[in-house]
Amino acid sequence: MAFCTVNFQGASLKKACSMNVLLPDGHGDKGPFPVFYLLHGLSDDHTIWQRRTSIERYVADLPLIVVMPDSGRGFYCDGVEGPAYESHIMKDVIGFVDSFYNTIPTREGRVIGGLSMGGYGALKLALKFPDMFCSTVSHSGAPGVTKRIPKTVTNEFERERLQIFGAEADGGKDCLYGLAEKLDPKKAPAIRIDCGVDDGLLEDNRDFVKHLKKLKIEHEYEEFPGAHTWAYWDEHVREALAFHEKALGL
């Protein structure tokens, strides 16, 4: 693989931004290539997947571009009071990647995944923009985050979530439950969700999967031994890759 760190101006955030990009080599003139957008968790940045997993080794033989953007702590949302991280991904990052790399710039050539906050983000962006991604994978995601926005703020983390999602987050523009209800099941991307049985977000994931079943939205869901750890994500991102490969027809 060829590895690039890209520094660029994010118009939606009005600041300099960064992302890591893995480019396939050894495939001659077989491009254009599909793109896998791989999202980080709350406390991380664009470097974390390469520092804590073997993602570069796992995709080494695939005709696939992997893009790992930095999205701060914004849950991949346009904050009610704060930065526009949804627009940053959907406009700035995807726009830059499609302009500068030999991509398939359509739904059929894009997949998205992530862990924890990034798992929520991958599901949200795919459900909200089903014409942009053909598959999405969430590892240890937080699908119920919009259901736990406090009315009274007692700490900085609660204040941060309130500024991102607003007081009326449940059923709002970034609520996975509401987005799933609005989605035409026939137009849904391929969906895969996994979570460790010792993960504090396990019940969140089980509840959201029940919602998908109720709406008859096709999906895969698996639970595995493990917790909210990099050992877990390093292992199960390989299954995510196989899932995306199938959706992309690789």
Protein backbone atom coordinates (compact mmCIF):
# COMPACT_ATOMS: atom_id res chain seq x y z
CA MET A 1 0.00 0.00 0.00
CA ALA A 2 0.94 3.61 -0.49
CA PHE A 3 0.27 5.75 2.59
CA CYS A 4 -0.54 9.47 2.54
CA THR A 5 -1.22 12.02 5.23
CA VAL A 6 -3.35 14.72 3.68
CA ASN A 7 -3.58 18.22 5.11
CA PHE A 8 -6.30 20.31 3.52
CA GLN A 9 -8.69 23.17 4.20
CA GLY A 10 -12.05 21.98 5.50
CA ALA A 11 -14.53 24.55 4.27
CA SER A 12 -17.33 23.29 6.54
CA LEU A 13 -15.14 23.62 9.63
CA LYS A 14 -13.35 26.74 8.42
CA LYS A 15 -10.00 25.31 9.48
CA ALA A 16 -7.08 23.19 8.40
CA CYS A 17 -7.92 19.45 8.61
CA SER A 18 -6.14 16.14 8.20
CA MET A 19 -6.82 12.59 7.08
CA ASN A 20 -4.81 9.46 6.44
CA VAL A 21 -5.26 7.65 3.14
CA LEU A 22 -4.18 4.17 2.08
CA LEU A 23 -3.85 3.69 -1.67
CA PRO A 24 -3.73 0.32 -3.43
CA ASP A 25 -0.65 -0.55 -5.42
CA GLY A 26 0.22 -3.47 -7.64
CA HIS A 27 -3.10 -3.20 -9.47
CA GLY A 28 -1.77 -1.48 -12.58
CA ASP A 29 -4.42 0.43 -14.51
CA LYS A 30 -7.35 -1.41 -12.92
CA GLY A 31 -8.78 1.74 -11.31
CA PRO A 32 -10.94 3.61 -10.62
CA PHE A 33 -11.15 2.23 -7.08
CA PRO A 34 -13.90 2.09 -4.45
CA VAL A 35 -13.36 3.93 -1.18
CA PHE A 36 -13.77 2.77 2.42
CA TYR A 37 -14.32 5.66 4.85
CA LEU A 38 -13.16 4.47 8.27
CA LEU A 39 -14.23 6.62 11.24
CA HIS A 40 -12.59 7.00 14.65
CA GLY A 41 -14.02 7.08 18.16
CA LEU A 42 -14.63 9.93 20.59
CA SER A 43 -11.13 10.24 22.07
CA ASP A 44 -9.20 9.53 18.85
CA ASP A 45 -8.10 11.12 15.59
CA HIS A 46 -7.25 10.23 11.98
CA THR A 47 -4.11 8.31 12.97
CA ILE A 48 -5.66 5.87 15.42
CA TRP A 49 -6.72 3.01 13.14
CA GLN A 50 -3.19 2.66 11.80
CA ARG A 51 -1.58 3.02 15.22
CA ARG A 52 -3.79 0.54 17.05
CA THR A 53 -4.77 -2.01 14.37
CA SER A 54 -3.22 -3.72 11.36
CA ILE A 55 -5.68 -2.15 8.91
CA GLU A 56 -2.89 -1.40 6.41
CA ARG A 57 -1.88 -5.05 6.35
CA TYR A 58 -5.49 -6.25 6.11
CA VAL A 59 -6.21 -4.22 2.96
CA ALA A 60 -2.78 -4.63 1.34
CA ASP A 61 -4.02 -6.91 -1.44
CA LEU A 62 -7.34 -5.21 -2.06
CA PRO A 63 -8.14 -2.79 -4.91
CA LEU A 64 -9.52 -0.38 -2.32
CA ILE A 65 -8.76 3.12 -1.08
CA VAL A 66 -9.11 3.58 2.69
CA VAL A 67 -9.76 7.08 4.02
CA MET A 68 -9.44 7.84 7.74
CA PRO A 69 -10.54 11.43 8.45
CA ASP A 70 -10.26 13.43 11.66
CA SER A 71 -13.65 14.52 12.98
CA GLY A 72 -12.94 15.73 16.48
CA ARG A 73 -15.54 14.89 19.14
CA GLY A 74 -18.55 15.94 17.09
CA PHE A 75 -20.27 12.56 16.54
CA TYR A 76 -20.16 13.21 12.78
CA CYS A 77 -23.01 15.70 13.16
CA ASP A 78 -23.57 19.33 12.26
CA GLY A 79 -23.77 20.56 15.82
CA VAL A 80 -26.72 22.59 17.02
CA GLU A 81 -24.07 24.77 18.66
CA GLY A 82 -20.74 23.80 17.23
CA PRO A 83 -18.74 22.55 14.26
CA ALA A 84 -20.35 21.02 11.17
CA TYR A 85 -18.73 17.58 11.15
CA GLU A 86 -21.43 15.91 9.05
CA SER A 87 -20.90 18.47 6.31
CA HIS A 88 -17.16 18.06 6.72
CA ILE A 89 -17.34 14.35 5.91
CA MET A 90 -20.04 14.51 3.25
CA LYS A 91 -18.74 17.59 1.44
CA ASP A 92 -15.13 18.35 2.34
CA VAL A 93 -13.65 14.87 2.79
CA ILE A 94 -15.59 12.99 0.10
CA GLY A 95 -15.28 15.94 -2.26
CA PHE A 96 -11.51 16.09 -1.80
CA VAL A 97 -11.05 12.34 -2.18
CA ASP A 98 -13.14 12.14 -5.35
CA SER A 99 -11.29 15.13 -6.82
CA PHE A 100 -7.72 14.02 -6.10
CA TYR A 101 -7.84 10.22 -6.29
CA ASN A 102 -8.93 7.72 -8.92
CA THR A 103 -12.22 6.77 -7.25
CA ILE A 104 -15.59 5.39 -8.21
CA PRO A 105 -17.52 8.55 -7.22
CA THR A 106 -20.93 6.93 -6.79
CA ARG A 107 -22.86 4.94 -4.21
CA GLU A 108 -21.61 1.71 -5.75
CA GLY A 109 -18.04 2.73 -4.96
CA ARG A 110 -18.38 3.94 -1.36
CA VAL A 111 -18.59 2.10 1.97
CA ILE A 112 -18.32 3.43 5.51
CA GLY A 113 -17.55 2.02 8.94
CA GLY A 114 -16.25 2.95 12.36
CA LEU A 115 -15.98 2.17 16.04
CA SER A 116 -17.83 3.59 19.04
CA MET A 117 -18.62 7.22 18.12
CA GLY A 118 -17.50 6.30 14.62
CA GLY A 119 -19.84 3.30 14.62
CA TYR A 120 -22.72 5.63 15.36
CA GLY A 121 -21.40 8.00 12.68
CA ALA A 122 -21.11 5.27 10.05
CA LEU A 123 -24.69 4.16 10.65
CA LYS A 124 -26.03 7.70 10.77
CA LEU A 125 -24.40 8.87 7.56
CA ALA A 126 -25.39 5.72 5.67
CA LEU A 127 -29.01 5.84 6.87
CA LYS A 128 -29.27 9.58 6.27
CA PHE A 129 -27.59 9.45 2.85
CA PRO A 130 -28.43 5.99 1.46
CA ASP A 131 -27.65 7.23 -2.04
CA MET A 132 -24.02 7.78 -1.01
CA PHE A 133 -22.94 4.43 0.50
CA CYS A 134 -23.66 0.84 -0.50
CA SER A 135 -22.67 -0.63 2.89
CA THR A 136 -22.04 0.40 6.48
CA VAL A 137 -20.51 -1.34 9.50
CA SER A 138 -20.64 -0.31 13.15
CA HIS A 139 -18.30 -1.81 15.75
CA SER A 140 -19.36 -1.19 19.37
CA GLY A 141 -21.41 1.80 18.26
CA ALA A 142 -23.58 4.17 20.28
CA PRO A 143 -26.91 4.04 18.42
CA GLY A 144 -28.85 5.30 21.44
CA VAL A 145 -26.77 8.42 22.11
CA THR A 146 -29.60 10.79 21.11
CA LYS A 147 -31.91 9.14 23.65
CA ARG A 148 -29.68 10.16 26.55
CA ILE A 149 -29.37 13.91 26.15
CA PRO A 150 -29.80 15.41 29.63
CA LYS A 151 -32.27 18.20 30.34
CA THR A 152 -30.03 19.46 33.13
CA VAL A 153 -26.28 19.57 32.48
CA THR A 154 -24.09 18.35 35.35
CA ASN A 155 -20.71 17.92 33.63
CA GLU A 156 -18.75 18.95 30.55
CA PHE A 157 -19.48 15.74 28.62
CA GLU A 158 -23.22 16.31 29.00
CA ARG A 159 -22.77 19.93 27.93
CA GLU A 160 -20.80 18.77 24.90
CA ARG A 161 -23.55 16.34 23.81
CA LEU A 162 -26.23 18.96 24.34
CA GLN A 163 -24.36 21.39 22.11
CA ILE A 164 -24.00 18.74 19.42
CA PHE A 165 -27.47 17.20 19.42
CA GLY A 166 -29.71 19.79 21.08
CA ALA A 167 -32.35 19.24 23.74
CA GLU A 168 -34.78 17.63 21.28
CA ALA A 169 -32.36 15.03 19.96
CA ASP A 170 -34.61 11.98 20.38
CA GLY A 171 -36.34 11.60 17.03
CA GLY A 172 -34.40 14.54 15.61
CA LYS A 173 -32.18 14.91 12.56
CA ASP A 174 -29.36 12.75 13.98
CA CYS A 175 -31.42 10.08 15.74
CA LEU A 176 -30.73 6.65 14.27
CA TYR A 177 -34.17 5.42 15.26
CA GLY A 178 -35.89 8.23 13.39
CA LEU A 179 -33.60 7.93 10.37
CA ALA A 180 -34.33 4.21 10.14
CA GLU A 181 -38.07 4.90 10.26
CA LYS A 182 -37.77 7.34 7.34
CA LEU A 183 -35.66 4.97 5.26
CA ASP A 184 -37.20 2.98 2.43
CA PRO A 185 -36.03 -0.57 3.27
CA LYS A 186 -35.60 -1.25 -0.45
CA LYS A 187 -33.05 1.57 -0.68
CA ALA A 188 -31.15 0.73 2.50
CA PRO A 189 -27.40 0.11 2.28
CA ALA A 190 -26.09 -3.24 3.43
CA ILE A 191 -25.87 -2.95 7.24
CA ARG A 192 -23.65 -4.85 9.66
CA ILE A 193 -23.44 -4.25 13.42
CA ASP A 194 -21.26 -6.03 15.97
CA CYS A 195 -20.54 -5.58 19.66
CA GLY A 196 -18.62 -7.33 22.40
CA VAL A 197 -20.59 -9.12 25.11
CA ASP A 198 -18.62 -7.25 27.80
CA ASP A 199 -19.08 -3.85 26.17
CA GLY A 200 -21.00 -1.17 28.04
CA LEU A 201 -22.83 -0.32 24.80
CA LEU A 202 -24.14 -3.85 24.27
CA GLU A 203 -27.74 -3.10 25.27
CA ASP A 204 -27.73 0.00 23.06
CA ASN A 205 -26.84 -2.19 20.10
CA ARG A 206 -29.38 -4.87 20.97
CA ASP A 207 -32.14 -2.27 21.25
CA PHE A 208 -31.32 -0.70 17.90
CA VAL A 209 -31.17 -4.09 16.18
CA LYS A 210 -34.66 -4.80 17.53
CA HIS A 211 -35.77 -1.54 15.92
CA LEU A 212 -34.30 -2.56 12.56
CA LYS A 213 -36.08 -5.90 12.80
CA LYS A 214 -39.36 -4.17 13.59
CA LEU A 215 -38.94 -1.98 10.50
CA LYS A 216 -37.93 -5.02 8.40
CA ILE A 217 -34.65 -3.42 7.40
CA GLU A 218 -32.18 -6.13 6.43
CA HIS A 219 -28.99 -6.25 8.47
CA GLU A 220 -26.37 -8.49 10.01
CA TYR A 221 -25.79 -8.47 13.75
CA GLU A 222 -23.24 -10.43 15.75
CA GLU A 223 -21.98 -10.46 19.33
CA PHE A 224 -18.53 -11.71 20.17
CA PRO A 225 -16.38 -12.18 23.27
CA GLY A 226 -14.69 -8.92 24.15
CA ALA A 227 -15.15 -5.39 25.43
CA HIS A 228 -14.66 -1.81 24.24
CA THR A 229 -11.02 -2.42 23.30
CA TRP A 230 -8.61 -2.22 20.41
CA ALA A 231 -8.01 -5.96 20.58
CA TYR A 232 -11.70 -6.41 19.77
CA TRP A 233 -11.75 -3.86 16.93
CA ASP A 234 -8.54 -5.11 15.36
CA GLU A 235 -10.05 -8.57 15.14
CA HIS A 236 -13.48 -7.63 13.85
CA VAL A 237 -12.54 -4.99 11.31
CA ARG A 238 -11.44 -7.94 9.19
CA GLU A 239 -15.03 -9.18 9.12
CA ALA A 240 -16.14 -5.67 8.21
CA LEU A 241 -13.76 -5.70 5.27
CA ALA A 242 -15.22 -8.99 4.03
CA PHE A 243 -18.72 -7.50 4.35
CA HIS A 244 -17.73 -4.39 2.38
CA GLU A 245 -15.92 -6.47 -0.25
CA LYS A 246 -19.15 -8.36 -0.89
CA ALA A 247 -21.16 -5.15 -1.20
CA LEU A 248 -18.57 -3.70 -3.59
CA GLY A 249 -18.28 -6.89 -5.60
CA LEU A 250 -14.53 -7.18 -5.06
